[in-house]
Structure formats: structure tokens, C-alpha cells
Amino acid sequence: MKMCEALASLGHEVELNYPIEGGGHKALGSDPHVYYGVHPTFSLRLIRRPSMRGARYYFAVTSALRARFRGVRLAFCRNYWAAYFCARFGISTVFEAHAPIPDDDRVGLRLFEALIRISKFRRLFVITNSLREHYLSRFPGLKGKVDLLPDAASFVPPETEPESLGFASSTLKVGYVGQLYPGKGMELIAQLAPLCPAMSFHIVGGQENDLAYWRRECSSVSNLVFHGYVSHARVPGFIKAIDVVLLPNQTFVAAYGNGNRNISDWTSPLKMFEYMAAGKAIVASNLPVLREVLRDGENALLCSPAVADEWRIALERLVADPALKDRIASSAHAEFLQSYSWGARARKALEIAG
């Protein structure tokens, strides 16, 4: 949604085709543009995917046919099945990957091999360097056609009102925004909060089953608050209300919808860029994929993902040295303005795609 808004802001006509099953779209409310906090400058077409074998084939072909009949000049795909059919139907096509194609998806691997041999396939965009190296080693035919396109975030308007957190007396308001499934870091926060009784910890997001689990696990931790799931449009207000934000990814991060698939080596968390956009001091896991953007002592403080006491020391360091907190926050925000806005990302993508 954010990328479509950015592409449309550059003067292009944009349509997003998205598959839905059953009543899955109803959670977005009557207007998905409002839910995601984007301007309605592009059209959104929800394609109902039938509950049957070959449903992803149906979505891919339907979307590609629509693109062909509408005379689309560039297909920007996050679905490699749709990318294949768009390129096969004669449309200039780019595919954006956020993870490797699973080894057990034998049909998908063959399809991708075929895709990159089609003349209308232009580029593969990846969100991290580690993912770029994976694709180049796995698919030699991609040489010269893979480009790094990190994730991004929206500008935070100065007039954004901070949300009420309910812990005005704490010395430091520490926050995490995102999902709570395995590897995202709630495991570490549950250990960290009791080590910092003078600070308050605020968890924004999470699905109901995960929230129920962690509320039970942390019921005795008085300085830990779960604010629950909020719409994307409200996220900036929560981040603005927090003093220091956490990015506690673990060495195993479960993929959404597939708890057995590890994405820790490839992931480029959206919340990292949202934190940078808000100009907040970041304390993050010292992982190679995060070090592609974050540098210890310059635009973040980096800690071992498995040692809660390192995170305690980092937070206490920021309390004792407000100048350091302000410096790493300002550095991260400056880098966001230069490289990590959705507008900058959209311009870069179009320049590369030609």
C-alpha cells in the first residue's frame, strides 16, 4: 500500500491487485486506504481467491491478464507466479523478493528459473544484501539483474499527536512495535523488563493468540504494558510517545503464516525504518542483516539477541547520557530522510527498472 502510494505520487497510474480468501478483507474496514493511512491516489482491486487446488495459479493468471488488457507498462510483483505470467504476456516485469523461494516449492523454483529467462523480465529487487547473495548463488542467470532495494517508512508529520501510554512516572519509556510470533523478540523483552523496574515497557501490536500467551507469561511484570493491535495509521503516534525503541530480533525469526521457516538472515524489518522516521533512539540485536543499516554507537546501540543484561546496560547508558540518545536518534533520522522514505524507494525502483 505504501509503495503504491509513493509510485502514484510520482505521477503514475497505479493499481494494486491483491488476493483475498473468504472475508479476510473485512478486517481492513470499509476503506483499506484509511486503514493503512495512505492517500487514495491509486486503485485497489481485491481478487477473491477460490478455495481450491491451484488457487495461486488463478490469482496470477487473472492479475496478469488484467494487466495485459489494460496496457500496463510495468508490472511490479511481489508474487513470482504473477511475475511469470506478466512477463510471459509481454509486460515488462520486476519481482521484489523478501525471502528465498522455499526449497520445498519445486514448482515455484522451476517457475522462477523460467521467469528469469524471459526477455520481458527486467530486474529482481531484494531488501537485503544477504538475500542478494543468496539469489545470485542459487540462480546464476540473475547476474547483472539483481538490485538492493531496502524497505522504507513514511514521513512522520510534526503535528502527529503522541498516544497515551499510561506510565508518565517512569524514567524511560521503552517500546516495541510489531508482531509477537517466535523470534520477533518478545522472549527477550519478557526477561528485560524485570531487570529495569524504573522503566516502563510498551508492546504495540500482536495477534490475539500471541497477546493472550504473553499476557499470561508476563502477568507478574508490573512495568510491562500490552497495548494490543492497532491500525497502521496509529503506529506513528505510539512511536512518538516512546523514548527508546527496541528491535530485538532473534537468530530464528518465524515467517508469518509458517512457524517453521526462518527469515532472520534475510529480513529487513519495516519497524526499523519506522523508528528511524520518527527520530527515536534504537536499541537493536547485533545481527548481520540489521548491521546492513544500523551501526553501533552511530545510529543505534547493538546488543546480543540472547543476553538481556546487555540490553539493560544499553538502556541505562541512554538514561545516563541523554546526549548519546539524541545523537543516535538524529543520525538515524537523517539517514531515513536521505535514503529510506517510500518516495526515495519508488524513485530508485523506477530508475533501475527503466
Protein backbone atom coordinates (compact mmCIF):
# COMPACT_ATOMS: atom_id res chain seq x y z
CA MET A 1 0.00 0.00 0.00
CA LYS A 2 2.77 2.45 0.92
CA MET A 3 4.79 1.66 -2.20
CA CYS A 4 1.74 2.11 -4.42
CA GLU A 5 1.07 5.49 -2.81
CA ALA A 6 4.69 6.50 -3.45
CA LEU A 7 4.59 5.38 -7.09
CA ALA A 8 1.34 7.27 -7.62
CA SER A 9 2.83 10.41 -6.03
CA LEU A 10 5.41 10.42 -8.84
CA GLY A 11 2.62 10.90 -11.37
CA HIS A 12 1.97 7.30 -12.42
CA GLU A 13 -1.34 5.47 -12.68
CA VAL A 14 -1.15 2.61 -10.21
CA GLU A 15 -3.40 -0.34 -9.44
CA LEU A 16 -2.76 -2.86 -6.68
CA ASN A 17 -4.14 -6.36 -7.22
CA TYR A 18 -4.33 -8.38 -4.02
CA PRO A 19 -5.71 -11.88 -3.33
CA ILE A 20 -8.21 -12.43 -0.54
CA GLU A 21 -9.81 -15.56 0.84
CA GLY A 22 -13.28 -15.63 2.35
CA GLY A 23 -13.91 -12.50 4.41
CA GLY A 24 -10.25 -11.71 5.01
CA HIS A 25 -10.64 -8.18 3.66
CA LYS A 26 -13.31 -7.26 6.20
CA ALA A 27 -10.68 -6.70 8.91
CA LEU A 28 -9.49 -3.72 6.87
CA GLY A 29 -12.83 -1.95 7.31
CA SER A 30 -14.75 -0.15 4.60
CA ASP A 31 -11.70 1.66 3.19
CA PRO A 32 -8.28 -0.03 3.21
CA HIS A 33 -6.66 3.30 2.27
CA VAL A 34 -7.82 4.74 5.61
CA TYR A 35 -6.78 1.60 7.50
CA TYR A 36 -3.21 1.85 6.19
CA GLY A 37 -3.08 5.63 6.44
CA VAL A 38 -2.42 6.25 2.73
CA HIS A 39 -3.95 8.70 0.28
CA PRO A 40 -6.45 7.17 -2.20
CA THR A 41 -4.29 8.10 -5.17
CA PHE A 42 -4.22 4.55 -6.58
CA SER A 43 -6.85 1.91 -7.15
CA LEU A 44 -7.11 -1.29 -5.16
CA ARG A 45 -8.53 -4.45 -6.70
CA LEU A 46 -9.22 -7.31 -4.28
CA ILE A 47 -9.35 -10.62 -6.14
CA ARG A 48 -11.23 -13.37 -4.35
CA ARG A 49 -9.08 -16.48 -4.48
CA PRO A 50 -11.14 -19.68 -4.62
CA SER A 51 -10.62 -22.38 -2.00
CA MET A 52 -9.34 -24.97 -4.40
CA ARG A 53 -6.18 -26.60 -5.66
CA GLY A 54 -4.30 -24.21 -7.91
CA ALA A 55 -5.71 -21.04 -6.29
CA ARG A 56 -2.41 -19.17 -6.60
CA TYR A 57 -2.37 -20.01 -10.32
CA TYR A 58 -5.84 -18.47 -10.63
CA PHE A 59 -4.75 -15.21 -8.96
CA ALA A 60 -1.55 -14.99 -11.01
CA VAL A 61 -3.25 -15.53 -14.37
CA THR A 62 -6.18 -13.24 -13.53
CA SER A 63 -3.87 -10.39 -12.49
CA ALA A 64 -1.57 -10.81 -15.48
CA LEU A 65 -4.45 -10.89 -17.96
CA ARG A 66 -5.90 -7.72 -16.46
CA ALA A 67 -2.50 -6.02 -16.70
CA ARG A 68 -2.17 -7.03 -20.36
CA PHE A 69 -5.63 -5.84 -21.35
CA ARG A 70 -5.12 -2.52 -19.54
CA GLY A 71 -1.88 -1.89 -21.39
CA VAL A 72 0.26 -1.83 -18.23
CA ARG A 73 3.82 -0.71 -18.98
CA LEU A 74 5.46 -2.12 -15.85
CA ALA A 75 4.33 -4.95 -13.58
CA PHE A 76 5.82 -4.62 -10.09
CA CYS A 77 5.26 -8.02 -8.48
CA ARG A 78 5.60 -9.50 -5.02
CA ASN A 79 4.22 -12.83 -6.27
CA TYR A 80 6.54 -14.80 -8.54
CA TRP A 81 3.67 -16.68 -10.14
CA ALA A 82 2.10 -13.39 -11.21
CA ALA A 83 5.52 -12.13 -12.31
CA TYR A 84 5.95 -15.15 -14.56
CA PHE A 85 2.62 -14.68 -16.35
CA CYS A 86 3.05 -10.89 -16.67
CA ALA A 87 6.44 -11.40 -18.34
CA ARG A 88 5.07 -14.26 -20.46
CA PHE A 89 2.22 -11.99 -21.64
CA GLY A 90 4.75 -9.41 -22.88
CA ILE A 91 4.74 -6.94 -19.96
CA SER A 92 7.99 -5.50 -18.60
CA THR A 93 8.21 -7.10 -15.18
CA VAL A 94 10.17 -6.72 -11.95
CA PHE A 95 9.90 -9.07 -9.00
CA GLU A 96 10.55 -7.98 -5.41
CA ALA A 97 11.72 -10.75 -3.05
CA HIS A 98 11.69 -10.56 0.74
CA ALA A 99 12.87 -14.13 1.28
CA PRO A 100 14.28 -17.04 -0.73
CA ILE A 101 11.91 -19.24 -2.69
CA PRO A 102 11.38 -22.23 -0.36
CA ASP A 103 13.38 -25.32 -1.25
CA ASP A 104 10.26 -27.47 -0.93
CA ASP A 105 8.40 -25.39 -3.54
CA ARG A 106 9.73 -27.36 -6.51
CA VAL A 107 7.14 -25.98 -8.92
CA GLY A 108 7.90 -22.43 -7.77
CA LEU A 109 11.63 -22.93 -8.25
CA ARG A 110 11.13 -24.18 -11.80
CA LEU A 111 8.75 -21.31 -12.50
CA PHE A 112 11.29 -18.78 -11.24
CA GLU A 113 14.01 -20.33 -13.39
CA ALA A 114 11.72 -19.89 -16.37
CA LEU A 115 10.82 -16.32 -15.36
CA ILE A 116 14.39 -15.02 -15.33
CA ARG A 117 14.94 -16.36 -18.87
CA ILE A 118 12.00 -14.38 -20.33
CA SER A 119 13.13 -11.25 -22.18
CA LYS A 120 10.46 -9.09 -20.51
CA PHE A 121 11.83 -9.90 -17.05
CA ARG A 122 13.75 -6.75 -16.12
CA ARG A 123 15.06 -6.95 -12.55
CA LEU A 124 14.94 -8.74 -9.24
CA PHE A 125 14.71 -6.40 -6.25
CA VAL A 126 15.82 -7.70 -2.84
CA ILE A 127 15.58 -5.99 0.54
CA THR A 128 18.98 -7.04 1.97
CA ASN A 129 22.48 -7.77 0.70
CA SER A 130 22.37 -11.23 2.25
CA LEU A 131 19.29 -12.01 0.16
CA ARG A 132 21.03 -10.65 -2.94
CA GLU A 133 23.95 -13.02 -2.41
CA HIS A 134 21.56 -15.95 -1.92
CA TYR A 135 19.74 -15.38 -5.20
CA LEU A 136 22.94 -14.84 -7.16
CA SER A 137 24.45 -18.06 -5.82
CA ARG A 138 21.28 -20.05 -6.40
CA PHE A 139 20.37 -18.60 -9.81
CA PRO A 140 23.50 -17.66 -11.85
CA GLY A 141 21.25 -16.44 -14.67
CA LEU A 142 20.40 -13.42 -12.50
CA LYS A 143 23.89 -11.94 -12.82
CA GLY A 144 23.54 -8.24 -13.59
CA LYS A 145 19.81 -8.25 -12.83
CA VAL A 146 19.66 -8.11 -9.02
CA ASP A 147 19.39 -4.81 -7.16
CA LEU A 148 19.23 -3.89 -3.49
CA LEU A 149 16.01 -2.05 -2.60
CA PRO A 150 15.71 -1.85 1.20
CA ASP A 151 12.35 -1.38 2.85
CA ALA A 152 11.22 2.09 3.86
CA ALA A 153 8.83 4.11 6.01
CA SER A 154 6.57 7.14 5.80
CA PHE A 155 7.44 10.63 6.99
CA VAL A 156 6.06 11.37 10.44
CA PRO A 157 4.27 14.75 10.37
CA PRO A 158 5.49 17.11 13.12
CA GLU A 159 1.91 17.59 14.25
CA THR A 160 1.45 13.86 15.00
CA GLU A 161 -0.09 13.57 18.45
CA PRO A 162 1.57 11.04 20.78
CA GLU A 163 -0.69 8.27 22.03
CA SER A 164 -1.32 7.96 25.77
CA LEU A 165 0.84 5.21 27.28
CA GLY A 166 -0.29 5.47 30.90
CA PHE A 167 3.15 5.36 32.55
CA ALA A 168 4.10 9.02 32.98
CA SER A 169 6.20 8.36 36.09
CA SER A 170 8.79 6.01 34.57
CA THR A 171 12.32 7.28 33.98
CA LEU A 172 12.31 5.92 30.42
CA LYS A 173 9.50 4.72 28.18
CA VAL A 174 10.79 1.78 26.17
CA GLY A 175 8.74 0.40 23.30
CA TYR A 176 8.41 -2.36 20.75
CA VAL A 177 6.07 -2.20 17.75
CA GLY A 178 5.30 -5.31 15.72
CA GLN A 179 4.25 -8.92 15.76
CA LEU A 180 4.82 -11.28 18.69
CA TYR A 181 5.39 -14.58 16.95
CA PRO A 182 8.57 -16.56 17.67
CA GLY A 183 11.85 -14.78 17.10
CA LYS A 184 10.50 -11.23 16.91
CA GLY A 185 11.94 -10.61 20.36
CA MET A 186 9.16 -10.76 22.93
CA GLU A 187 11.16 -13.59 24.51
CA LEU A 188 13.94 -11.12 25.31
CA ILE A 189 11.65 -8.27 26.38
CA ALA A 190 9.97 -10.58 28.91
CA GLN A 191 13.40 -11.07 30.51
CA LEU A 192 14.48 -7.44 30.15
CA ALA A 193 11.54 -5.61 31.74
CA PRO A 194 12.02 -7.10 35.26
CA LEU A 195 15.69 -6.04 35.11
CA CYS A 196 14.65 -2.38 34.63
CA PRO A 197 11.92 -1.71 37.24
CA ALA A 198 12.22 2.09 36.95
CA MET A 199 11.44 1.97 33.22
CA SER A 200 8.14 1.17 31.54
CA PHE A 201 7.90 -1.19 28.56
CA HIS A 202 5.18 -0.81 25.94
CA ILE A 203 4.27 -3.53 23.44
CA VAL A 204 2.25 -2.33 20.46
CA GLY A 205 0.86 -4.99 18.11
CA GLY A 206 0.40 -8.73 18.06
CA GLN A 207 -2.34 -11.14 17.10
CA GLU A 208 -4.88 -12.20 19.70
CA ASN A 209 -3.47 -15.67 20.37
CA ASP A 210 0.07 -14.30 20.79
CA LEU A 211 -1.16 -11.46 23.00
CA ALA A 212 -3.08 -13.89 25.22
CA TYR A 213 0.02 -16.07 25.62
CA TRP A 214 2.39 -13.24 26.52
CA ARG A 215 -0.09 -11.55 28.83
CA ARG A 216 -0.23 -14.80 30.80
CA GLU A 217 3.55 -15.23 30.74
CA CYS A 218 4.17 -11.65 31.89
CA SER A 219 1.23 -11.23 34.29
CA SER A 220 3.59 -10.56 37.22
CA VAL A 221 5.68 -7.92 35.41
CA SER A 222 4.16 -4.64 36.58
CA ASN A 223 6.12 -2.31 34.28
CA LEU A 224 5.14 -4.08 31.06
CA VAL A 225 2.03 -2.92 29.15
CA PHE A 226 0.43 -4.60 26.14
CA HIS A 227 -1.45 -2.04 24.05
CA GLY A 228 -2.74 -4.65 21.59
CA TYR A 229 -3.13 -4.50 17.86
CA VAL A 230 -3.57 -1.02 16.36
CA SER A 231 -4.13 0.16 12.80
CA HIS A 232 -1.12 1.19 10.73
CA ALA A 233 -2.36 4.78 10.80
CA ARG A 234 -1.99 4.91 14.62
CA VAL A 235 1.52 3.46 14.80
CA PRO A 236 3.38 6.81 14.43
CA GLY A 237 1.54 8.20 17.46
CA PHE A 238 2.69 5.28 19.63
CA ILE A 239 6.29 5.52 18.44
CA LYS A 240 6.28 9.27 19.10
CA ALA A 241 5.18 8.68 22.69
CA ILE A 242 8.08 6.28 23.37
CA ASP A 243 11.61 7.40 24.36
CA VAL A 244 13.66 4.42 23.17
CA VAL A 245 12.54 1.73 20.73
CA LEU A 246 13.61 -1.91 20.59
CA LEU A 247 14.40 -4.15 17.63
CA PRO A 248 15.12 -7.45 19.43
CA ASN A 249 15.13 -9.91 16.51
CA GLN A 250 16.43 -13.35 17.42
CA THR A 251 18.62 -15.72 15.40
CA PHE A 252 15.45 -17.60 14.42
CA VAL A 253 12.54 -15.46 13.23
CA ALA A 254 9.43 -17.33 12.15
CA ALA A 255 7.88 -16.29 8.86
CA TYR A 256 4.31 -15.02 9.02
CA GLY A 257 1.97 -17.97 8.49
CA ASN A 258 4.82 -20.52 8.64
CA GLY A 259 6.38 -21.02 12.06
CA ASN A 260 8.98 -23.47 10.73
CA ARG A 261 10.52 -21.10 8.20
CA ASN A 262 13.41 -18.94 9.44
CA ILE A 263 13.71 -15.46 7.88
CA SER A 264 16.28 -14.00 10.29
CA ASP A 265 19.07 -13.99 7.69
CA TRP A 266 17.00 -12.02 5.15
CA THR A 267 14.53 -9.83 6.98
CA SER A 268 14.57 -6.03 6.74
CA PRO A 269 12.05 -5.06 9.42
CA LEU A 270 9.67 -2.27 8.47
CA LYS A 271 9.66 -1.11 12.07
CA MET A 272 13.40 -0.35 11.87
CA PHE A 273 12.68 2.27 9.22
CA GLU A 274 9.57 3.49 11.07
CA TYR A 275 11.73 4.02 14.16
CA MET A 276 14.27 5.94 12.06
CA ALA A 277 11.50 8.05 10.51
CA ALA A 278 10.25 9.02 13.97
CA GLY A 279 13.74 10.09 15.09
CA LYS A 280 13.90 7.68 18.03
CA ALA A 281 16.93 6.12 19.69
CA ILE A 282 17.11 2.45 18.67
CA VAL A 283 18.49 -0.49 20.61
CA ALA A 284 18.70 -3.50 18.29
CA SER A 285 20.03 -7.02 18.00
CA ASN A 286 23.59 -7.32 16.77
CA LEU A 287 22.79 -9.40 13.70
CA PRO A 288 24.49 -9.18 10.28
CA VAL A 289 21.29 -8.39 8.41
CA LEU A 290 20.47 -5.48 10.75
CA ARG A 291 24.05 -4.20 10.55
CA GLU A 292 23.41 -3.53 6.86
CA VAL A 293 21.57 -0.41 8.10
CA LEU A 294 22.43 0.03 11.80
CA ARG A 295 25.88 0.82 13.23
CA ASP A 296 26.67 0.52 16.91
CA GLY A 297 27.17 3.87 18.60
CA GLU A 298 26.35 5.81 15.44
CA ASN A 299 22.66 5.35 14.62
CA ALA A 300 21.77 2.66 17.18
CA LEU A 301 23.11 0.63 20.08
CA LEU A 302 23.58 -3.05 19.24
CA CYS A 303 23.31 -5.91 21.74
CA SER A 304 23.45 -9.68 21.71
CA PRO A 305 19.98 -11.01 20.87
CA ALA A 306 20.30 -13.63 23.61
CA VAL A 307 21.66 -11.62 26.58
CA ALA A 308 19.04 -9.48 28.30
CA ASP A 309 21.60 -7.88 30.61
CA GLU A 310 23.36 -6.27 27.62
CA TRP A 311 20.07 -4.57 26.75
CA ARG A 312 19.67 -3.40 30.36
CA ILE A 313 23.14 -1.85 30.24
CA ALA A 314 22.37 -0.15 26.90
CA LEU A 315 19.13 1.36 28.24
CA GLU A 316 20.79 2.57 31.43
CA ARG A 317 23.55 4.08 29.29
CA LEU A 318 20.95 6.12 27.39
CA VAL A 319 19.37 7.30 30.64
CA ALA A 320 22.77 8.41 31.95
CA ASP A 321 23.83 10.03 28.66
CA PRO A 322 20.94 11.94 27.05
CA ALA A 323 23.36 13.44 24.51
CA LEU A 324 24.15 9.94 23.21
CA LYS A 325 20.44 9.15 22.98
CA ASP A 326 19.81 12.32 20.98
CA ARG A 327 22.85 11.77 18.75
CA ILE A 328 21.99 8.23 17.61
CA ALA A 329 18.35 9.25 17.14
CA SER A 330 19.30 12.25 15.00
CA SER A 331 21.73 10.19 12.93
CA ALA A 332 19.11 7.54 12.22
CA HIS A 333 16.55 10.18 11.27
CA ALA A 334 18.97 11.91 8.88
CA GLU A 335 19.68 8.61 7.13
CA PHE A 336 15.96 7.96 6.81
CA LEU A 337 15.43 11.34 5.16
CA GLN A 338 18.21 10.66 2.68
CA SER A 339 17.60 7.04 1.75
CA TYR A 340 14.69 5.26 3.39
CA SER A 341 11.46 7.11 2.62
CA TRP A 342 8.88 5.42 0.38
CA GLY A 343 9.30 8.24 -2.13
CA ALA A 344 13.05 7.67 -2.38
CA ARG A 345 12.45 3.94 -2.72
CA ALA A 346 9.90 4.37 -5.50
CA ARG A 347 12.17 6.72 -7.45
CA LYS A 348 15.10 4.32 -7.16
CA ALA A 349 12.95 1.36 -8.29
CA LEU A 350 11.74 3.17 -11.40
CA GLU A 351 15.21 4.42 -12.28
CA ILE A 352 16.58 0.88 -12.14
CA ALA A 353 13.63 -0.67 -13.97
CA GLY A 354 13.93 1.88 -16.75
